[in-house]
Amino acid sequence: MTTPKPGSILLGTTRPAELRDWYRTALAPAHEGEGPIDLGGFLLVIDQRDDVDTKNNEPGRMILNFHVEDFDAVEARLRAAGVEWLTPVEDRPAGRFGTFADPDGNYLQIIQFKQHA
């Protein structure tokens, strides 16, 4: 049996248009139109939900990580988009990490792992 491969995530929100615009500006500026936002082959589906709060009250439960090859370029794009950084960008033994939040308070990270020889 093969291991299932994640293909998308559904992000429920009380304000889908605002959240969609934020994700397109911060992470997928080339994305056009409606429907799922392609984040490098992983799809983000943003959906209006009436069973969620306006803000995520437990954002540390799940953090969406983006593995990047050029940390500085992605960090600069995120800063230009005005993301809310939760902690300063830091170098860790495994690589470089930056943690930020979307307008609903969901946590996201960019990570550039160190290459091991």
PDB file of N, CA and C in Angstrom:
ATOM      1  N   MET A   1       0.850  -1.181   0.000  1.00  0.00           N
ATOM      2  CA  MET A   1       0.000   0.000   0.000  1.00  0.00           C
ATOM      3  C   MET A   1       0.892   1.239   0.000  1.00  0.00           C
ATOM      4  N   THR A   2       0.588   2.201  -0.843  1.00  0.00           N
ATOM      5  CA  THR A   2       1.353   3.444  -0.886  1.00  0.00           C
ATOM      6  C   THR A   2       0.826   4.427   0.138  1.00  0.00           C
ATOM      7  N   THR A   3       1.695   5.302   0.588  1.00  0.00           N
ATOM      8  CA  THR A   3       1.319   6.333   1.545  1.00  0.00           C
ATOM      9  C   THR A   3       0.565   7.442   0.816  1.00  0.00           C
ATOM     10  N   PRO A   4      -0.606   7.851   1.319  1.00  0.00           N
ATOM     11  CA  PRO A   4      -1.341   8.950   0.674  1.00  0.00           C
ATOM     12  C   PRO A   4      -0.514  10.235   0.699  1.00  0.00           C
ATOM     13  N   LYS A   5      -0.596  10.995  -0.368  1.00  0.00           N
ATOM     14  CA  LYS A   5       0.125  12.262  -0.483  1.00  0.00           C
ATOM     15  C   LYS A   5      -0.849  13.415  -0.268  1.00  0.00           C
ATOM     16  N   PRO A   6      -0.550  14.326   0.678  1.00  0.00           N
ATOM     17  CA  PRO A   6      -1.439  15.481   0.852  1.00  0.00           C
ATOM     18  C   PRO A   6      -1.508  16.294  -0.447  1.00  0.00           C
ATOM     19  N   GLY A   7      -2.708  16.712  -0.796  1.00  0.00           N
ATOM     20  CA  GLY A   7      -2.883  17.475  -2.018  1.00  0.00           C
ATOM     21  C   GLY A   7      -3.473  18.851  -1.812  1.00  0.00           C
ATOM     22  N   SER A   8      -4.198  19.020  -0.692  1.00  0.00           N
ATOM     23  CA  SER A   8      -4.813  20.319  -0.443  1.00  0.00           C
ATOM     24  C   SER A   8      -5.156  20.447   1.032  1.00  0.00           C
ATOM     25  N   ILE A   9      -5.472  21.677   1.401  1.00  0.00           N
ATOM     26  CA  ILE A   9      -5.954  21.962   2.745  1.00  0.00           C
ATOM     27  C   ILE A   9      -7.128  22.924   2.613  1.00  0.00           C
ATOM     28  N   LEU A  10      -8.152  22.704   3.427  1.00  0.00           N
ATOM     29  CA  LEU A  10      -9.314  23.582   3.455  1.00  0.00           C
ATOM     30  C   LEU A  10      -9.150  24.528   4.630  1.00  0.00           C
ATOM     31  N   LEU A  11      -9.198  25.796   4.357  1.00  0.00           N
ATOM     32  CA  LEU A  11      -9.079  26.818   5.388  1.00  0.00           C
ATOM     33  C   LEU A  11     -10.429  27.498   5.525  1.00  0.00           C
ATOM     34  N   GLY A  12     -11.121  27.208   6.639  1.00  0.00           N
ATOM     35  CA  GLY A  12     -12.415  27.806   6.903  1.00  0.00           C
ATOM     36  C   GLY A  12     -12.252  29.182   7.524  1.00  0.00           C
ATOM     37  N   THR A  13     -13.079  30.124   7.107  1.00  0.00           N
ATOM     38  CA  THR A  13     -12.969  31.501   7.575  1.00  0.00           C
ATOM     39  C   THR A  13     -14.321  32.199   7.521  1.00  0.00           C
ATOM     40  N   THR A  14     -14.448  33.267   8.288  1.00  0.00           N
ATOM     41  CA  THR A  14     -15.652  34.086   8.240  1.00  0.00           C
ATOM     42  C   THR A  14     -15.535  35.185   7.190  1.00  0.00           C
ATOM     43  N   ARG A  15     -14.341  35.348   6.626  1.00  0.00           N
ATOM     44  CA  ARG A  15     -14.105  36.404   5.625  1.00  0.00           C
ATOM     45  C   ARG A  15     -13.232  35.882   4.477  1.00  0.00           C
ATOM     46  N   PRO A  16     -13.814  35.046   3.615  1.00  0.00           N
ATOM     47  CA  PRO A  16     -13.036  34.398   2.572  1.00  0.00           C
ATOM     48  C   PRO A  16     -12.401  35.342   1.555  1.00  0.00           C
ATOM     49  N   ALA A  17     -13.076  36.406   1.166  1.00  0.00           N
ATOM     50  CA  ALA A  17     -12.503  37.314   0.161  1.00  0.00           C
ATOM     51  C   ALA A  17     -11.234  37.977   0.689  1.00  0.00           C
ATOM     52  N   GLU A  18     -11.276  38.451   1.930  1.00  0.00           N
ATOM     53  CA  GLU A  18     -10.096  39.100   2.525  1.00  0.00           C
ATOM     54  C   GLU A  18      -8.947  38.114   2.675  1.00  0.00           C
ATOM     55  N   LEU A  19      -9.242  36.912   3.162  1.00  0.00           N
ATOM     56  CA  LEU A  19      -8.187  35.925   3.369  1.00  0.00           C
ATOM     57  C   LEU A  19      -7.598  35.472   2.040  1.00  0.00           C
ATOM     58  N   ARG A  20      -8.454  35.297   1.047  1.00  0.00           N
ATOM     59  CA  ARG A  20      -7.991  34.907  -0.285  1.00  0.00           C
ATOM     60  C   ARG A  20      -7.040  35.958  -0.860  1.00  0.00           C
ATOM     61  N   ASP A  21      -7.415  37.235  -0.738  1.00  0.00           N
ATOM     62  CA  ASP A  21      -6.551  38.305  -1.232  1.00  0.00           C
ATOM     63  C   ASP A  21      -5.208  38.314  -0.509  1.00  0.00           C
ATOM     64  N   TRP A  22      -5.246  38.089   0.811  1.00  0.00           N
ATOM     65  CA  TRP A  22      -4.005  38.068   1.591  1.00  0.00           C
ATOM     66  C   TRP A  22      -3.086  36.945   1.117  1.00  0.00           C
ATOM     67  N   TYR A  23      -3.626  35.734   0.959  1.00  0.00           N
ATOM     68  CA  TYR A  23      -2.803  34.604   0.523  1.00  0.00           C
ATOM     69  C   TYR A  23      -2.249  34.818  -0.879  1.00  0.00           C
ATOM     70  N   ARG A  24      -3.052  35.390  -1.750  1.00  0.00           N
ATOM     71  CA  ARG A  24      -2.546  35.656  -3.101  1.00  0.00           C
ATOM     72  C   ARG A  24      -1.429  36.686  -3.057  1.00  0.00           C
ATOM     73  N   THR A  25      -1.594  37.752  -2.302  1.00  0.00           N
ATOM     74  CA  THR A  25      -0.567  38.788  -2.211  1.00  0.00           C
ATOM     75  C   THR A  25       0.710  38.256  -1.571  1.00  0.00           C
ATOM     76  N   ALA A  26       0.572  37.547  -0.457  1.00  0.00           N
ATOM     77  CA  ALA A  26       1.737  37.102   0.307  1.00  0.00           C
ATOM     78  C   ALA A  26       2.440  35.896  -0.301  1.00  0.00           C
ATOM     79  N   LEU A  27       1.688  34.948  -0.839  1.00  0.00           N
ATOM     80  CA  LEU A  27       2.303  33.681  -1.218  1.00  0.00           C
ATOM     81  C   LEU A  27       2.130  33.264  -2.672  1.00  0.00           C
ATOM     82  N   ALA A  28       1.148  33.790  -3.356  1.00  0.00           N
ATOM     83  CA  ALA A  28       0.894  33.334  -4.727  1.00  0.00           C
ATOM     84  C   ALA A  28       0.490  34.492  -5.627  1.00  0.00           C
ATOM     85  N   PRO A  29       1.377  35.493  -5.803  1.00  0.00           N
ATOM     86  CA  PRO A  29       0.991  36.679  -6.577  1.00  0.00           C
ATOM     87  C   PRO A  29       0.619  36.394  -8.029  1.00  0.00           C
ATOM     88  N   ALA A  30       1.058  35.279  -8.585  1.00  0.00           N
ATOM     89  CA  ALA A  30       0.727  34.961  -9.972  1.00  0.00           C
ATOM     90  C   ALA A  30      -0.645  34.296 -10.103  1.00  0.00           C
ATOM     91  N   HIS A  31      -1.254  33.906  -8.984  1.00  0.00           N
ATOM     92  CA  HIS A  31      -2.551  33.220  -9.038  1.00  0.00           C
ATOM     93  C   HIS A  31      -3.647  34.190  -9.467  1.00  0.00           C
ATOM     94  N   GLU A  32      -4.466  33.720 -10.393  1.00  0.00           N
ATOM     95  CA  GLU A  32      -5.595  34.527 -10.864  1.00  0.00           C
ATOM     96  C   GLU A  32      -6.870  33.718 -10.752  1.00  0.00           C
ATOM     97  N   GLY A  33      -7.978  34.410 -10.665  1.00  0.00           N
ATOM     98  CA  GLY A  33      -9.271  33.754 -10.672  1.00  0.00           C
ATOM     99  C   GLY A  33      -9.673  33.189  -9.334  1.00  0.00           C
ATOM    100  N   GLU A  34     -10.785  32.496  -9.361  1.00  0.00           N
ATOM    101  CA  GLU A  34     -11.338  31.876  -8.156  1.00  0.00           C
ATOM    102  C   GLU A  34     -10.835  30.444  -8.072  1.00  0.00           C
ATOM    103  N   GLY A  35     -11.360  29.720  -7.118  1.00  0.00           N
ATOM    104  CA  GLY A  35     -10.960  28.325  -6.965  1.00  0.00           C
ATOM    105  C   GLY A  35      -9.722  28.192  -6.100  1.00  0.00           C
ATOM    106  N   PRO A  36      -9.224  26.967  -5.966  1.00  0.00           N
ATOM    107  CA  PRO A  36      -8.060  26.722  -5.112  1.00  0.00           C
ATOM    108  C   PRO A  36      -6.846  27.532  -5.558  1.00  0.00           C
ATOM    109  N   ILE A  37      -6.056  27.946  -4.573  1.00  0.00           N
ATOM    110  CA  ILE A  37      -4.808  28.662  -4.838  1.00  0.00           C
ATOM    111  C   ILE A  37      -3.688  27.632  -4.857  1.00  0.00           C
ATOM    112  N   ASP A  38      -2.955  27.576  -5.959  1.00  0.00           N
ATOM    113  CA  ASP A  38      -1.869  26.611  -6.108  1.00  0.00           C
ATOM    114  C   ASP A  38      -0.629  27.141  -5.397  1.00  0.00           C
ATOM    115  N   LEU A  39      -0.211  26.425  -4.366  1.00  0.00           N
ATOM    116  CA  LEU A  39       0.992  26.784  -3.607  1.00  0.00           C
ATOM    117  C   LEU A  39       2.068  25.752  -3.919  1.00  0.00           C
ATOM    118  N   GLY A  40       2.577  25.797  -5.139  1.00  0.00           N
ATOM    119  CA  GLY A  40       3.632  24.871  -5.533  1.00  0.00           C
ATOM    120  C   GLY A  40       3.175  23.431  -5.653  1.00  0.00           C
ATOM    121  N   GLY A  41       1.979  23.205  -6.131  1.00  0.00           N
ATOM    122  CA  GLY A  41       1.458  21.858  -6.285  1.00  0.00           C
ATOM    123  C   GLY A  41       0.582  21.406  -5.122  1.00  0.00           C
ATOM    124  N   PHE A  42       0.530  22.169  -4.059  1.00  0.00           N
ATOM    125  CA  PHE A  42      -0.339  21.912  -2.913  1.00  0.00           C
ATOM    126  C   PHE A  42      -1.430  22.973  -2.959  1.00  0.00           C
ATOM    127  N   LEU A  43      -2.682  22.547  -2.947  1.00  0.00           N
ATOM    128  CA  LEU A  43      -3.780  23.486  -3.149  1.00  0.00           C
ATOM    129  C   LEU A  43      -4.344  23.999  -1.830  1.00  0.00           C
ATOM    130  N   LEU A  44      -4.596  25.300  -1.793  1.00  0.00           N
ATOM    131  CA  LEU A  44      -5.237  25.948  -0.651  1.00  0.00           C
ATOM    132  C   LEU A  44      -6.656  26.304  -1.060  1.00  0.00           C
ATOM    133  N   VAL A  45      -7.626  25.713  -0.360  1.00  0.00           N
ATOM    134  CA  VAL A  45      -9.035  25.978  -0.605  1.00  0.00           C
ATOM    135  C   VAL A  45      -9.526  26.842   0.547  1.00  0.00           C
ATOM    136  N   ILE A  46     -10.049  28.018   0.241  1.00  0.00           N
ATOM    137  CA  ILE A  46     -10.563  28.933   1.263  1.00  0.00           C
ATOM    138  C   ILE A  46     -12.080  28.946   1.145  1.00  0.00           C
ATOM    139  N   ASP A  47     -12.742  28.684   2.279  1.00  0.00           N
ATOM    140  CA  ASP A  47     -14.182  28.505   2.256  1.00  0.00           C
ATOM    141  C   ASP A  47     -14.861  29.290   3.369  1.00  0.00           C
ATOM    142  N   GLN A  48     -15.985  29.903   3.042  1.00  0.00           N
ATOM    143  CA  GLN A  48     -16.826  30.584   4.039  1.00  0.00           C
ATOM    144  C   GLN A  48     -17.380  29.545   4.996  1.00  0.00           C
ATOM    145  N   ARG A  49     -17.186  29.788   6.300  1.00  0.00           N
ATOM    146  CA  ARG A  49     -17.702  28.872   7.311  1.00  0.00           C
ATOM    147  C   ARG A  49     -18.395  29.670   8.401  1.00  0.00           C
ATOM    148  N   ASP A  50     -19.514  29.151   8.876  1.00  0.00           N
ATOM    149  CA  ASP A  50     -20.239  29.787   9.966  1.00  0.00           C
ATOM    150  C   ASP A  50     -19.956  29.118  11.307  1.00  0.00           C
ATOM    151  N   ASP A  51     -19.168  28.040  11.290  1.00  0.00           N
ATOM    152  CA  ASP A  51     -18.890  27.300  12.519  1.00  0.00           C
ATOM    153  C   ASP A  51     -17.478  27.567  13.062  1.00  0.00           C
ATOM    154  N   VAL A  52     -16.851  28.671  12.619  1.00  0.00           N
ATOM    155  CA  VAL A  52     -15.525  29.045  13.120  1.00  0.00           C
ATOM    156  C   VAL A  52     -15.559  30.484  13.617  1.00  0.00           C
ATOM    157  N   ASP A  53     -14.652  30.805  14.546  1.00  0.00           N
ATOM    158  CA  ASP A  53     -14.523  32.176  15.033  1.00  0.00           C
ATOM    159  C   ASP A  53     -13.789  33.029  14.007  1.00  0.00           C
ATOM    160  N   THR A  54     -13.878  34.333  14.175  1.00  0.00           N
ATOM    161  CA  THR A  54     -13.173  35.254  13.294  1.00  0.00           C
ATOM    162  C   THR A  54     -11.668  35.055  13.391  1.00  0.00           C
ATOM    163  N   LYS A  55     -11.170  34.795  14.593  1.00  0.00           N
ATOM    164  CA  LYS A  55      -9.734  34.548  14.817  1.00  0.00           C
ATOM    165  C   LYS A  55      -9.543  33.123  15.317  1.00  0.00           C
ATOM    166  N   ASN A  56      -8.444  32.513  14.907  1.00  0.00           N
ATOM    167  CA  ASN A  56      -8.080  31.182  15.362  1.00  0.00           C
ATOM    168  C   ASN A  56      -7.590  31.290  16.801  1.00  0.00           C
ATOM    169  N   ASN A  57      -8.292  30.670  17.739  1.00  0.00           N
ATOM    170  CA  ASN A  57      -7.950  30.770  19.148  1.00  0.00           C
ATOM    171  C   ASN A  57      -6.838  29.820  19.583  1.00  0.00           C
ATOM    172  N   GLU A  58      -6.466  28.869  18.746  1.00  0.00           N
ATOM    173  CA  GLU A  58      -5.388  27.930  19.042  1.00  0.00           C
ATOM    174  C   GLU A  58      -4.504  27.748  17.807  1.00  0.00           C
ATOM    175  N   PRO A  59      -3.855  28.813  17.354  1.00  0.00           N
ATOM    176  CA  PRO A  59      -3.121  28.745  16.087  1.00  0.00           C
ATOM    177  C   PRO A  59      -1.894  27.846  16.110  1.00  0.00           C
ATOM    178  N   GLY A  60      -1.393  27.483  17.277  1.00  0.00           N
ATOM    179  CA  GLY A  60      -0.224  26.619  17.340  1.00  0.00           C
ATOM    180  C   GLY A  60      -0.525  25.153  17.115  1.00  0.00           C
ATOM    181  N   ARG A  61      -1.800  24.797  17.021  1.00  0.00           N
ATOM    182  CA  ARG A  61      -2.165  23.392  16.814  1.00  0.00           C
ATOM    183  C   ARG A  61      -1.651  22.847  15.489  1.00  0.00           C
ATOM    184  N   MET A  62      -1.680  23.665  14.462  1.00  0.00           N
ATOM    185  CA  MET A  62      -1.198  23.229  13.160  1.00  0.00           C
ATOM    186  C   MET A  62      -0.549  24.423  12.469  1.00  0.00           C
ATOM    187  N   ILE A  63       0.671  24.248  12.054  1.00  0.00           N
ATOM    188  CA  ILE A  63       1.399  25.309  11.370  1.00  0.00           C
ATOM    189  C   ILE A  63       1.708  24.826   9.961  1.00  0.00           C
ATOM    190  N   LEU A  64       1.319  25.614   8.980  1.00  0.00           N
ATOM    191  CA  LEU A  64       1.579  25.270   7.590  1.00  0.00           C
ATOM    192  C   LEU A  64       2.981  25.745   7.236  1.00  0.00           C
ATOM    193  N   ASN A  65       3.853  24.804   6.885  1.00  0.00           N
ATOM    194  CA  ASN A  65       5.252  25.113   6.579  1.00  0.00           C
ATOM    195  C   ASN A  65       5.478  25.174   5.077  1.00  0.00           C
ATOM    196  N   PHE A  66       6.234  26.170   4.672  1.00  0.00           N
ATOM    197  CA  PHE A  66       6.642  26.320   3.279  1.00  0.00           C
ATOM    198  C   PHE A  66       8.145  26.145   3.213  1.00  0.00           C
ATOM    199  N   HIS A  67       8.596  25.126   2.507  1.00  0.00           N
ATOM    200  CA  HIS A  67      10.024  24.893   2.336  1.00  0.00           C
ATOM    201  C   HIS A  67      10.487  25.727   1.144  1.00  0.00           C
ATOM    202  N   VAL A  68      11.491  26.566   1.380  1.00  0.00           N
ATOM    203  CA  VAL A  68      11.952  27.486   0.345  1.00  0.00           C
ATOM    204  C   VAL A  68      13.428  27.259   0.039  1.00  0.00           C
ATOM    205  N   GLU A  69      13.831  27.619  -1.164  1.00  0.00           N
ATOM    206  CA  GLU A  69      15.228  27.506  -1.569  1.00  0.00           C
ATOM    207  C   GLU A  69      15.957  28.831  -1.438  1.00  0.00           C
ATOM    208  N   ASP A  70      15.226  29.943  -1.501  1.00  0.00           N
ATOM    209  CA  ASP A  70      15.832  31.267  -1.360  1.00  0.00           C
ATOM    210  C   ASP A  70      15.092  32.021  -0.259  1.00  0.00           C
ATOM    211  N   PHE A  71      15.503  31.786   0.965  1.00  0.00           N
ATOM    212  CA  PHE A  71      14.830  32.345   2.133  1.00  0.00           C
ATOM    213  C   PHE A  71      14.737  33.855   2.046  1.00  0.00           C
ATOM    214  N   ASP A  72      15.860  34.516   1.699  1.00  0.00           N
ATOM    215  CA  ASP A  72      15.889  35.976   1.671  1.00  0.00           C
ATOM    216  C   ASP A  72      14.858  36.553   0.704  1.00  0.00           C
ATOM    217  N   ALA A  73      14.710  35.936  -0.463  1.00  0.00           N
ATOM    218  CA  ALA A  73      13.757  36.435  -1.458  1.00  0.00           C
ATOM    219  C   ALA A  73      12.314  36.276  -0.961  1.00  0.00           C
ATOM    220  N   VAL A  74      12.000  35.134  -0.373  1.00  0.00           N
ATOM    221  CA  VAL A  74      10.646  34.908   0.127  1.00  0.00           C
ATOM    222  C   VAL A  74      10.373  35.817   1.324  1.00  0.00           C
ATOM    223  N   GLU A  75      11.347  35.956   2.201  1.00  0.00           N
ATOM    224  CA  GLU A  75      11.175  36.853   3.352  1.00  0.00           C
ATOM    225  C   GLU A  75      10.909  38.284   2.888  1.00  0.00           C
ATOM    226  N   ALA A  76      11.643  38.741   1.881  1.00  0.00           N
ATOM    227  CA  ALA A  76      11.448  40.103   1.368  1.00  0.00           C
ATOM    228  C   ALA A  76      10.047  40.272   0.784  1.00  0.00           C
ATOM    229  N   ARG A  77       9.566  39.263   0.042  1.00  0.00           N
ATOM    230  CA  ARG A  77       8.214  39.340  -0.531  1.00  0.00           C
ATOM    231  C   ARG A  77       7.165  39.392   0.579  1.00  0.00           C
ATOM    232  N   LEU A  78       7.358  38.595   1.622  1.00  0.00           N
ATOM    233  CA  LEU A  78       6.406  38.590   2.736  1.00  0.00           C
ATOM    234  C   LEU A  78       6.427  39.915   3.488  1.00  0.00           C
ATOM    235  N   ARG A  79       7.616  40.466   3.692  1.00  0.00           N
ATOM    236  CA  ARG A  79       7.711  41.774   4.363  1.00  0.00           C
ATOM    237  C   ARG A  79       7.012  42.847   3.536  1.00  0.00           C
ATOM    238  N   ALA A  80       7.207  42.807   2.227  1.00  0.00           N
ATOM    239  CA  ALA A  80       6.559  43.780   1.338  1.00  0.00           C
ATOM    240  C   ALA A  80       5.040  43.634   1.373  1.00  0.00           C
ATOM    241  N   ALA A  81       4.560  42.411   1.604  1.00  0.00           N
ATOM    242  CA  ALA A  81       3.118  42.163   1.695  1.00  0.00           C
ATOM    243  C   ALA A  81       2.567  42.555   3.064  1.00  0.00           C
ATOM    244  N   GLY A  82       3.460  42.903   3.996  1.00  0.00           N
ATOM    245  CA  GLY A  82       3.027  43.359   5.312  1.00  0.00           C
ATOM    246  C   GLY A  82       2.624  42.257   6.269  1.00  0.00           C
ATOM    247  N   VAL A  83       3.249  41.065   6.134  1.00  0.00           N
ATOM    248  CA  VAL A  83       2.868  39.977   7.041  1.00  0.00           C
ATOM    249  C   VAL A  83       3.196  40.330   8.487  1.00  0.00           C
ATOM    250  N   GLU A  84       2.449  39.714   9.404  1.00  0.00           N
ATOM    251  CA  GLU A  84       2.665  39.876  10.834  1.00  0.00           C
ATOM    252  C   GLU A  84       3.619  38.777  11.286  1.00  0.00           C
ATOM    253  N   TRP A  85       4.881  39.153  11.547  1.00  0.00           N
ATOM    254  CA  TRP A  85       5.881  38.185  12.005  1.00  0.00           C
ATOM    255  C   TRP A  85       5.666  37.922  13.482  1.00  0.00           C
ATOM    256  N   LEU A  86       5.624  36.663  13.866  1.00  0.00           N
ATOM    257  CA  LEU A  86       5.397  36.293  15.259  1.00  0.00           C
ATOM    258  C   LEU A  86       6.686  36.269  16.060  1.00  0.00           C
ATOM    259  N   THR A  87       7.754  35.891  15.421  1.00  0.00           N
ATOM    260  CA  THR A  87       9.076  35.878  16.041  1.00  0.00           C
ATOM    261  C   THR A  87      10.068  36.357  14.995  1.00  0.00           C
ATOM    262  N   PRO A  88      11.197  36.882  15.433  1.00  0.00           N
ATOM    263  CA  PRO A  88      12.206  37.264  14.442  1.00  0.00           C
ATOM    264  C   PRO A  88      12.689  36.034  13.678  1.00  0.00           C
ATOM    265  N   VAL A  89      13.062  36.251  12.423  1.00  0.00           N
ATOM    266  CA  VAL A  89      13.647  35.175  11.635  1.00  0.00           C
ATOM    267  C   VAL A  89      14.876  34.678  12.385  1.00  0.00           C
ATOM    268  N   GLU A  90      15.039  33.356  12.420  1.00  0.00           N
ATOM    269  CA  GLU A  90      16.176  32.830  13.167  1.00  0.00           C
ATOM    270  C   GLU A  90      16.837  31.652  12.470  1.00  0.00           C
ATOM    271  N   ASP A  91      18.135  31.547  12.718  1.00  0.00           N
ATOM    272  CA  ASP A  91      18.898  30.398  12.260  1.00  0.00           C
ATOM    273  C   ASP A  91      18.883  29.365  13.372  1.00  0.00           C
ATOM    274  N   ARG A  92      18.520  28.147  13.026  1.00  0.00           N
ATOM    275  CA  ARG A  92      18.491  27.027  13.959  1.00  0.00           C
ATOM    276  C   ARG A  92      19.419  25.954  13.420  1.00  0.00           C
ATOM    277  N   PRO A  93      19.732  24.946  14.212  1.00  0.00           N
ATOM    278  CA  PRO A  93      20.620  23.888  13.711  1.00  0.00           C
ATOM    279  C   PRO A  93      20.127  23.245  12.408  1.00  0.00           C
ATOM    280  N   ALA A  94      18.817  23.134  12.233  1.00  0.00           N
ATOM    281  CA  ALA A  94      18.275  22.494  11.032  1.00  0.00           C
ATOM    282  C   ALA A  94      18.184  23.432   9.834  1.00  0.00           C
ATOM    283  N   GLY A  95      18.224  24.752  10.073  1.00  0.00           N
ATOM    284  CA  GLY A  95      18.092  25.698   8.974  1.00  0.00           C
ATOM    285  C   GLY A  95      17.583  27.041   9.451  1.00  0.00           C
ATOM    286  N   ARG A  96      17.009  27.791   8.525  1.00  0.00           N
ATOM    287  CA  ARG A  96      16.502  29.134   8.810  1.00  0.00           C
ATOM    288  C   ARG A  96      14.982  29.108   8.835  1.00  0.00           C
ATOM    289  N   PHE A  97      14.386  29.753   9.861  1.00  0.00           N
ATOM    290  CA  PHE A  97      12.947  29.699  10.077  1.00  0.00           C
ATOM    291  C   PHE A  97      12.381  31.098  10.262  1.00  0.00           C
ATOM    292  N   GLY A  98      11.188  31.323   9.736  1.00  0.00           N
ATOM    293  CA  GLY A  98      10.442  32.552   9.960  1.00  0.00           C
ATOM    294  C   GLY A  98       8.980  32.199  10.162  1.00  0.00           C
ATOM    295  N   THR A  99       8.393  32.658  11.266  1.00  0.00           N
ATOM    296  CA  THR A  99       7.006  32.320  11.593  1.00  0.00           C
ATOM    297  C   THR A  99       6.154  33.579  11.538  1.00  0.00           C
ATOM    298  N   PHE A 100       5.015  33.473  10.867  1.00  0.00           N
ATOM    299  CA  PHE A 100       4.128  34.615  10.688  1.00  0.00           C
ATOM    300  C   PHE A 100       2.684  34.154  10.759  1.00  0.00           C
ATOM    301  N   ALA A 101       1.761  35.096  10.720  1.00  0.00           N
ATOM    302  CA  ALA A 101       0.344  34.762  10.829  1.00  0.00           C
ATOM    303  C   ALA A 101      -0.446  35.402   9.697  1.00  0.00           C
ATOM    304  N   ASP A 102      -1.531  34.731   9.320  1.00  0.00           N
ATOM    305  CA  ASP A 102      -2.439  35.317   8.341  1.00  0.00           C
ATOM    306  C   ASP A 102      -3.467  36.182   9.093  1.00  0.00           C
ATOM    307  N   PRO A 103      -4.348  36.885   8.399  1.00  0.00           N
ATOM    308  CA  PRO A 103      -5.306  37.766   9.079  1.00  0.00           C
ATOM    309  C   PRO A 103      -6.256  37.060  10.057  1.00  0.00           C
ATOM    310  N   ASP A 104      -6.470  35.755   9.898  1.00  0.00           N
ATOM    311  CA  ASP A 104      -7.304  35.010  10.833  1.00  0.00           C
ATOM    312  C   ASP A 104      -6.513  34.487  12.025  1.00  0.00           C
ATOM    313  N   GLY A 105      -5.203  34.730  12.039  1.00  0.00           N
ATOM    314  CA  GLY A 105      -4.370  34.294  13.144  1.00  0.00           C
ATOM    315  C   GLY A 105      -3.768  32.912  12.976  1.00  0.00           C
ATOM    316  N   ASN A 106      -3.931  32.289  11.803  1.00  0.00           N
ATOM    317  CA  ASN A 106      -3.322  30.980  11.548  1.00  0.00           C
ATOM    318  C   ASN A 106      -1.813  31.156  11.376  1.00  0.00           C
ATOM    319  N   TYR A 107      -1.037  30.233  11.938  1.00  0.00           N
ATOM    320  CA  TYR A 107       0.418  30.318  11.862  1.00  0.00           C
ATOM    321  C   TYR A 107       0.938  29.631  10.604  1.00  0.00           C
ATOM    322  N   LEU A 108       1.947  30.268  10.024  1.00  0.00           N
ATOM    323  CA  LEU A 108       2.644  29.736   8.866  1.00  0.00           C
ATOM    324  C   LEU A 108       4.140  29.931   9.086  1.00  0.00           C
ATOM    325  N   GLN A 109       4.946  29.130   8.424  1.00  0.00           N
ATOM    326  CA  GLN A 109       6.397  29.283   8.516  1.00  0.00           C
ATOM    327  C   GLN A 109       7.023  29.138   7.145  1.00  0.00           C
ATOM    328  N   ILE A 110       8.094  29.885   6.948  1.00  0.00           N
ATOM    329  CA  ILE A 110       8.978  29.599   5.821  1.00  0.00           C
ATOM    330  C   ILE A 110      10.228  28.983   6.430  1.00  0.00           C
ATOM    331  N   ILE A 111      10.733  27.954   5.754  1.00  0.00           N
ATOM    332  CA  ILE A 111      11.891  27.217   6.247  1.00  0.00           C
ATOM    333  C   ILE A 111      12.829  26.944   5.092  1.00  0.00           C
ATOM    334  N   GLN A 112      14.102  27.241   5.309  1.00  0.00           N
ATOM    335  CA  GLN A 112      15.127  26.803   4.384  1.00  0.00           C
ATOM    336  C   GLN A 112      16.036  25.874   5.173  1.00  0.00           C
ATOM    337  N   PHE A 113      15.853  24.568   4.924  1.00  0.00           N
ATOM    338  CA  PHE A 113      16.661  23.577   5.631  1.00  0.00           C
ATOM    339  C   PHE A 113      18.096  23.608   5.126  1.00  0.00           C
ATOM    340  N   LYS A 114      19.025  23.327   6.028  1.00  0.00           N
ATOM    341  CA  LYS A 114      20.431  23.242   5.650  1.00  0.00           C
ATOM    342  C   LYS A 114      20.643  22.001   4.801  1.00  0.00           C
ATOM    343  N   GLN A 115      21.505  22.150   3.827  1.00  0.00           N
ATOM    344  CA  GLN A 115      21.870  21.021   2.976  1.00  0.00           C
ATOM    345  C   GLN A 115      23.001  20.256   3.657  1.00  0.00           C
ATOM    346  N   HIS A 116      22.833  18.973   3.803  1.00  0.00           N
ATOM    347  CA  HIS A 116      23.865  18.135   4.425  1.00  0.00           C
ATOM    348  C   HIS A 116      24.652  17.438   3.344  1.00  0.00           C
ATOM    349  N   ALA A 117      25.937  17.454   3.483  1.00  0.00           N
ATOM    350  CA  ALA A 117      26.805  16.831   2.482  1.00  0.00           C
ATOM    351  C   ALA A 117      26.848  15.332   2.625  1.00  0.00           C
TER     352      ALA A 117
END
